[in-house]
N, C-alpha and C. Protein backbone atom coordinates (compact mmCIF):
# COMPACT_ATOMS: atom_id res chain seq x y z
N MET A 1 -48.97 18.38 -32.97
CA MET A 1 -47.77 17.60 -32.91
C MET A 1 -48.17 16.13 -32.96
N SER A 2 -47.40 15.38 -33.71
CA SER A 2 -47.73 13.96 -33.87
C SER A 2 -47.24 13.16 -32.66
N GLY A 3 -47.68 11.95 -32.56
CA GLY A 3 -47.33 11.07 -31.45
C GLY A 3 -45.85 10.72 -31.44
N TRP A 4 -45.24 10.57 -32.64
CA TRP A 4 -43.83 10.22 -32.71
C TRP A 4 -42.94 11.37 -32.27
N ALA A 5 -43.35 12.57 -32.51
CA ALA A 5 -42.58 13.73 -32.09
C ALA A 5 -42.56 13.83 -30.57
N ILE A 6 -43.71 13.54 -29.95
CA ILE A 6 -43.78 13.56 -28.48
C ILE A 6 -42.87 12.49 -27.89
N VAL A 7 -42.87 11.32 -28.47
CA VAL A 7 -42.00 10.22 -28.01
C VAL A 7 -40.53 10.63 -28.15
N ALA A 8 -40.16 11.27 -29.25
CA ALA A 8 -38.77 11.68 -29.46
C ALA A 8 -38.36 12.72 -28.42
N ILE A 9 -39.23 13.69 -28.15
CA ILE A 9 -38.92 14.72 -27.16
C ILE A 9 -38.76 14.10 -25.77
N ILE A 10 -39.64 13.21 -25.39
CA ILE A 10 -39.54 12.55 -24.09
C ILE A 10 -38.25 11.73 -24.00
N ALA A 11 -37.88 11.04 -25.09
CA ALA A 11 -36.65 10.25 -25.10
C ALA A 11 -35.43 11.14 -24.91
N ILE A 12 -35.42 12.30 -25.56
CA ILE A 12 -34.29 13.23 -25.43
C ILE A 12 -34.20 13.77 -24.00
N VAL A 13 -35.32 14.11 -23.40
CA VAL A 13 -35.33 14.62 -22.03
C VAL A 13 -34.85 13.55 -21.05
N VAL A 14 -35.32 12.32 -21.21
CA VAL A 14 -34.89 11.23 -20.34
C VAL A 14 -33.40 10.98 -20.51
N TRP A 15 -32.90 11.01 -21.73
CA TRP A 15 -31.46 10.81 -21.99
C TRP A 15 -30.66 11.91 -21.28
N GLY A 16 -31.11 13.14 -21.34
CA GLY A 16 -30.42 14.25 -20.68
C GLY A 16 -30.40 14.09 -19.17
N ILE A 17 -31.52 13.64 -18.60
CA ILE A 17 -31.59 13.42 -17.15
C ILE A 17 -30.61 12.32 -16.74
N VAL A 18 -30.55 11.24 -17.52
CA VAL A 18 -29.63 10.14 -17.22
C VAL A 18 -28.18 10.61 -17.29
N GLN A 19 -27.84 11.38 -18.31
CA GLN A 19 -26.46 11.86 -18.45
C GLN A 19 -26.09 12.81 -17.30
N THR A 20 -27.02 13.64 -16.87
CA THR A 20 -26.78 14.54 -15.75
C THR A 20 -26.56 13.76 -14.46
N ALA A 21 -27.36 12.73 -14.25
CA ALA A 21 -27.21 11.91 -13.05
C ALA A 21 -25.86 11.18 -13.05
N LYS A 22 -25.44 10.69 -14.21
CA LYS A 22 -24.13 10.03 -14.31
C LYS A 22 -23.00 11.01 -14.00
N ALA A 23 -23.11 12.23 -14.52
CA ALA A 23 -22.07 13.22 -14.29
C ALA A 23 -21.98 13.58 -12.80
N ARG A 24 -23.11 13.71 -12.15
CA ARG A 24 -23.10 14.00 -10.72
C ARG A 24 -22.54 12.85 -9.90
N ALA A 25 -22.72 11.63 -10.37
CA ALA A 25 -22.21 10.46 -9.65
C ALA A 25 -20.74 10.22 -9.91
N GLY A 26 -20.16 10.92 -10.89
CA GLY A 26 -18.73 10.76 -11.18
C GLY A 26 -18.45 9.69 -12.21
N ILE A 27 -19.40 9.42 -13.08
CA ILE A 27 -19.21 8.42 -14.13
C ILE A 27 -19.00 9.16 -15.44
N ILE A 28 -17.90 8.84 -16.13
CA ILE A 28 -17.63 9.46 -17.42
C ILE A 28 -17.61 8.39 -18.50
N SER A 29 -17.85 8.83 -19.74
CA SER A 29 -17.82 7.91 -20.89
C SER A 29 -16.74 8.36 -21.84
N ASP A 30 -16.00 7.39 -22.41
CA ASP A 30 -14.99 7.74 -23.40
C ASP A 30 -15.62 7.71 -24.79
N GLU A 31 -14.77 7.83 -25.82
CA GLU A 31 -15.26 7.90 -27.19
C GLU A 31 -15.99 6.64 -27.62
N ASP A 32 -15.57 5.50 -27.06
CA ASP A 32 -16.18 4.23 -27.44
C ASP A 32 -17.43 3.91 -26.63
N GLY A 33 -17.80 4.76 -25.69
CA GLY A 33 -18.97 4.53 -24.87
C GLY A 33 -18.68 3.74 -23.60
N ASN A 34 -17.42 3.46 -23.34
CA ASN A 34 -17.05 2.75 -22.11
C ASN A 34 -17.16 3.71 -20.93
N GLU A 35 -17.85 3.30 -19.90
CA GLU A 35 -18.05 4.16 -18.74
C GLU A 35 -17.04 3.83 -17.65
N THR A 36 -16.53 4.88 -17.00
CA THR A 36 -15.54 4.73 -15.95
C THR A 36 -15.94 5.60 -14.77
N TYR A 37 -15.83 5.03 -13.57
CA TYR A 37 -16.12 5.79 -12.35
C TYR A 37 -14.86 6.51 -11.93
N VAL A 38 -14.93 7.82 -11.85
CA VAL A 38 -13.78 8.61 -11.43
C VAL A 38 -13.99 9.24 -10.07
N GLY A 39 -15.15 9.09 -9.51
CA GLY A 39 -15.43 9.66 -8.20
C GLY A 39 -15.74 11.14 -8.30
N ARG A 40 -16.21 11.66 -7.21
CA ARG A 40 -16.52 13.08 -7.17
C ARG A 40 -15.47 13.78 -6.35
N PRO A 41 -15.00 14.92 -6.81
CA PRO A 41 -13.95 15.62 -6.06
C PRO A 41 -14.42 16.13 -4.71
N ASP A 42 -15.71 16.32 -4.53
CA ASP A 42 -16.20 16.83 -3.26
C ASP A 42 -16.63 15.71 -2.32
N ASP A 43 -16.32 14.48 -2.67
CA ASP A 43 -16.70 13.34 -1.84
C ASP A 43 -15.80 13.30 -0.61
N ALA A 44 -16.37 13.43 0.56
CA ALA A 44 -15.59 13.48 1.81
C ALA A 44 -14.86 12.16 2.07
N ASN A 45 -15.48 11.05 1.72
CA ASN A 45 -14.84 9.75 1.93
C ASN A 45 -13.58 9.61 1.09
N VAL A 46 -13.63 10.08 -0.14
CA VAL A 46 -12.47 9.99 -1.02
C VAL A 46 -11.34 10.86 -0.48
N ARG A 47 -11.66 12.05 -0.03
CA ARG A 47 -10.62 12.92 0.52
C ARG A 47 -10.01 12.33 1.78
N ALA A 48 -10.82 11.76 2.64
CA ALA A 48 -10.31 11.16 3.88
C ALA A 48 -9.41 9.97 3.56
N GLU A 49 -9.84 9.17 2.59
CA GLU A 49 -9.03 8.00 2.20
C GLU A 49 -7.71 8.44 1.59
N ASN A 50 -7.73 9.48 0.75
CA ASN A 50 -6.50 9.98 0.16
C ASN A 50 -5.55 10.52 1.23
N GLU A 51 -6.08 11.22 2.21
CA GLU A 51 -5.25 11.74 3.29
C GLU A 51 -4.63 10.61 4.11
N GLU A 52 -5.42 9.57 4.36
CA GLU A 52 -4.91 8.41 5.10
C GLU A 52 -3.79 7.73 4.32
N MET A 53 -3.96 7.60 3.01
CA MET A 53 -2.91 6.98 2.18
C MET A 53 -1.65 7.83 2.16
N ARG A 54 -1.81 9.15 2.15
CA ARG A 54 -0.63 10.03 2.18
C ARG A 54 0.14 9.86 3.48
N ARG A 55 -0.59 9.80 4.62
CA ARG A 55 0.08 9.59 5.91
C ARG A 55 0.80 8.25 5.94
N GLU A 56 0.15 7.21 5.42
CA GLU A 56 0.78 5.89 5.41
C GLU A 56 2.02 5.88 4.54
N MET A 57 1.96 6.54 3.37
CA MET A 57 3.13 6.61 2.50
C MET A 57 4.28 7.35 3.19
N LYS A 58 3.96 8.42 3.94
CA LYS A 58 5.00 9.16 4.65
C LYS A 58 5.65 8.28 5.70
N GLN A 59 4.84 7.52 6.45
CA GLN A 59 5.39 6.62 7.46
C GLN A 59 6.25 5.54 6.82
N LEU A 60 5.81 5.00 5.70
CA LEU A 60 6.60 3.95 5.03
C LEU A 60 7.92 4.51 4.52
N ARG A 61 7.92 5.74 4.02
CA ARG A 61 9.17 6.35 3.56
C ARG A 61 10.13 6.55 4.73
N GLU A 62 9.60 6.98 5.87
CA GLU A 62 10.46 7.15 7.05
C GLU A 62 11.04 5.82 7.50
N ARG A 63 10.23 4.77 7.50
CA ARG A 63 10.72 3.45 7.89
C ARG A 63 11.79 2.96 6.91
N LEU A 64 11.58 3.22 5.63
CA LEU A 64 12.56 2.81 4.63
C LEU A 64 13.88 3.54 4.84
N GLN A 65 13.83 4.82 5.17
CA GLN A 65 15.06 5.56 5.44
C GLN A 65 15.81 4.98 6.63
N VAL A 66 15.07 4.59 7.67
CA VAL A 66 15.71 3.98 8.84
C VAL A 66 16.37 2.66 8.45
N LEU A 67 15.66 1.84 7.69
CA LEU A 67 16.23 0.56 7.27
C LEU A 67 17.46 0.76 6.38
N GLU A 68 17.42 1.75 5.50
CA GLU A 68 18.59 2.03 4.66
C GLU A 68 19.77 2.46 5.52
N ARG A 69 19.49 3.29 6.54
CA ARG A 69 20.57 3.74 7.42
C ARG A 69 21.16 2.56 8.19
N ILE A 70 20.32 1.67 8.67
CA ILE A 70 20.80 0.49 9.40
C ILE A 70 21.65 -0.38 8.48
N ALA A 71 21.19 -0.57 7.26
CA ALA A 71 21.90 -1.44 6.32
C ALA A 71 23.25 -0.86 5.93
N THR A 72 23.32 0.46 5.80
CA THR A 72 24.57 1.06 5.34
C THR A 72 25.51 1.41 6.47
N ASP A 73 25.01 1.73 7.66
CA ASP A 73 25.89 2.11 8.77
C ASP A 73 26.79 0.96 9.21
N ASN A 74 26.28 -0.24 9.26
CA ASN A 74 27.09 -1.38 9.70
C ASN A 74 28.12 -1.79 8.66
N ASN A 75 27.97 -1.33 7.44
CA ASN A 75 28.90 -1.70 6.38
C ASN A 75 29.86 -0.56 6.03
N SER A 76 29.81 0.53 6.75
CA SER A 76 30.69 1.66 6.44
C SER A 76 32.10 1.36 6.95
N LEU A 77 33.04 2.14 6.46
CA LEU A 77 34.43 1.96 6.88
C LEU A 77 34.60 2.26 8.37
N ASP A 78 33.90 3.28 8.84
CA ASP A 78 33.99 3.62 10.26
C ASP A 78 33.48 2.49 11.14
N ALA A 79 32.38 1.88 10.75
CA ALA A 79 31.82 0.79 11.55
C ALA A 79 32.76 -0.41 11.55
N ARG A 80 33.35 -0.70 10.41
CA ARG A 80 34.30 -1.82 10.35
C ARG A 80 35.53 -1.53 11.20
N GLU A 81 35.98 -0.28 11.16
CA GLU A 81 37.16 0.10 11.95
C GLU A 81 36.85 0.00 13.44
N ARG A 82 35.66 0.44 13.85
CA ARG A 82 35.27 0.32 15.26
C ARG A 82 35.21 -1.15 15.68
N ALA A 83 34.68 -2.00 14.81
CA ALA A 83 34.60 -3.43 15.14
C ALA A 83 35.99 -4.04 15.25
N ARG A 84 36.91 -3.63 14.37
CA ARG A 84 38.28 -4.15 14.41
C ARG A 84 38.99 -3.71 15.69
N ILE A 85 38.82 -2.45 16.03
CA ILE A 85 39.45 -1.94 17.25
C ILE A 85 38.87 -2.61 18.48
N SER A 86 37.58 -2.81 18.49
CA SER A 86 36.93 -3.49 19.61
C SER A 86 37.46 -4.92 19.74
N ALA A 87 37.65 -5.60 18.63
CA ALA A 87 38.19 -6.96 18.67
C ALA A 87 39.62 -6.96 19.19
N GLU A 88 40.41 -5.97 18.79
CA GLU A 88 41.79 -5.88 19.28
C GLU A 88 41.82 -5.63 20.78
N ILE A 89 40.94 -4.76 21.26
CA ILE A 89 40.89 -4.47 22.69
C ILE A 89 40.53 -5.73 23.47
N GLU A 90 39.55 -6.45 22.98
CA GLU A 90 39.16 -7.70 23.66
C GLU A 90 40.31 -8.70 23.64
N ALA A 91 41.05 -8.75 22.54
CA ALA A 91 42.19 -9.66 22.47
C ALA A 91 43.28 -9.25 23.46
N LEU A 92 43.49 -7.95 23.61
CA LEU A 92 44.49 -7.46 24.55
C LEU A 92 44.07 -7.69 26.00
N ARG A 93 42.79 -7.72 26.25
CA ARG A 93 42.30 -8.00 27.60
C ARG A 93 42.54 -9.44 27.99
N GLY A 94 42.73 -10.28 27.00
CA GLY A 94 43.05 -11.66 27.30
C GLY A 94 41.86 -12.60 27.25
N THR A 95 40.84 -12.26 26.54
CA THR A 95 39.71 -13.18 26.41
C THR A 95 39.44 -13.45 24.94
N GLN A 96 38.96 -14.64 24.71
CA GLN A 96 38.54 -14.99 23.37
C GLN A 96 37.10 -14.52 23.18
N ASP A 97 36.55 -14.75 22.00
CA ASP A 97 35.17 -14.35 21.73
C ASP A 97 34.18 -15.06 22.64
N ASN A 98 34.49 -16.29 23.05
CA ASN A 98 33.55 -17.04 23.88
C ASN A 98 33.77 -16.78 25.38
N GLY A 99 34.69 -15.85 25.74
CA GLY A 99 34.89 -15.49 27.14
C GLY A 99 35.93 -16.33 27.85
N VAL A 100 36.56 -17.31 27.22
CA VAL A 100 37.58 -18.15 27.85
C VAL A 100 38.89 -17.38 27.83
N PRO A 101 39.59 -17.31 28.99
CA PRO A 101 40.85 -16.57 29.02
C PRO A 101 41.89 -17.21 28.10
N LEU A 102 42.63 -16.35 27.43
CA LEU A 102 43.70 -16.84 26.56
C LEU A 102 44.89 -17.25 27.43
N PRO A 103 45.64 -18.23 26.99
CA PRO A 103 46.83 -18.60 27.76
C PRO A 103 47.85 -17.47 27.72
N THR A 104 48.50 -17.23 28.85
CA THR A 104 49.51 -16.17 28.91
C THR A 104 50.84 -16.73 28.41
N SER A 105 51.77 -15.85 28.20
CA SER A 105 53.07 -16.29 27.69
C SER A 105 53.79 -17.16 28.73
N ALA A 106 53.59 -16.89 30.01
CA ALA A 106 54.23 -17.68 31.06
C ALA A 106 53.70 -19.10 31.05
N SER A 107 52.43 -19.25 30.84
CA SER A 107 51.88 -20.61 30.85
C SER A 107 52.33 -21.35 29.59
N LYS A 108 52.58 -20.66 28.50
CA LYS A 108 53.08 -21.34 27.30
C LYS A 108 54.48 -21.87 27.56
N LYS A 109 55.32 -21.09 28.28
CA LYS A 109 56.67 -21.53 28.57
C LYS A 109 56.63 -22.75 29.51
N GLU A 110 55.71 -22.69 30.49
CA GLU A 110 55.60 -23.81 31.40
C GLU A 110 55.14 -25.07 30.66
N GLN A 111 54.28 -24.89 29.66
CA GLN A 111 53.78 -26.04 28.92
C GLN A 111 54.89 -26.66 28.09
N SER A 112 55.84 -25.87 27.61
CA SER A 112 56.90 -26.41 26.78
C SER A 112 57.94 -27.15 27.59
N GLN A 113 58.06 -26.88 28.89
CA GLN A 113 59.07 -27.55 29.73
C GLN A 113 58.64 -28.86 30.18
């Protein structure tokens, strides 16, 4: 075997070892030769991080639902009706919004005399 054939065989073996190491590390190449790290599916850190992100997303969805409920409950017809009735009750009790008693009808008559 000539010297060039030995060099070619060694180059092919080294290339194969490099490609195997890249595949084990989670690095893939596209058609243009661009390499991308995709991670390894058996990587414990990746799985733990994904699980943590899923929990955080679930918590954020729950918080968003609470905020949506708060935003819509105060603007519903029932909430407005309760606020109107509450304001009427306070008016009938004889107080203004700031807590100052409203003048009674007797005091209005006395003021006009």
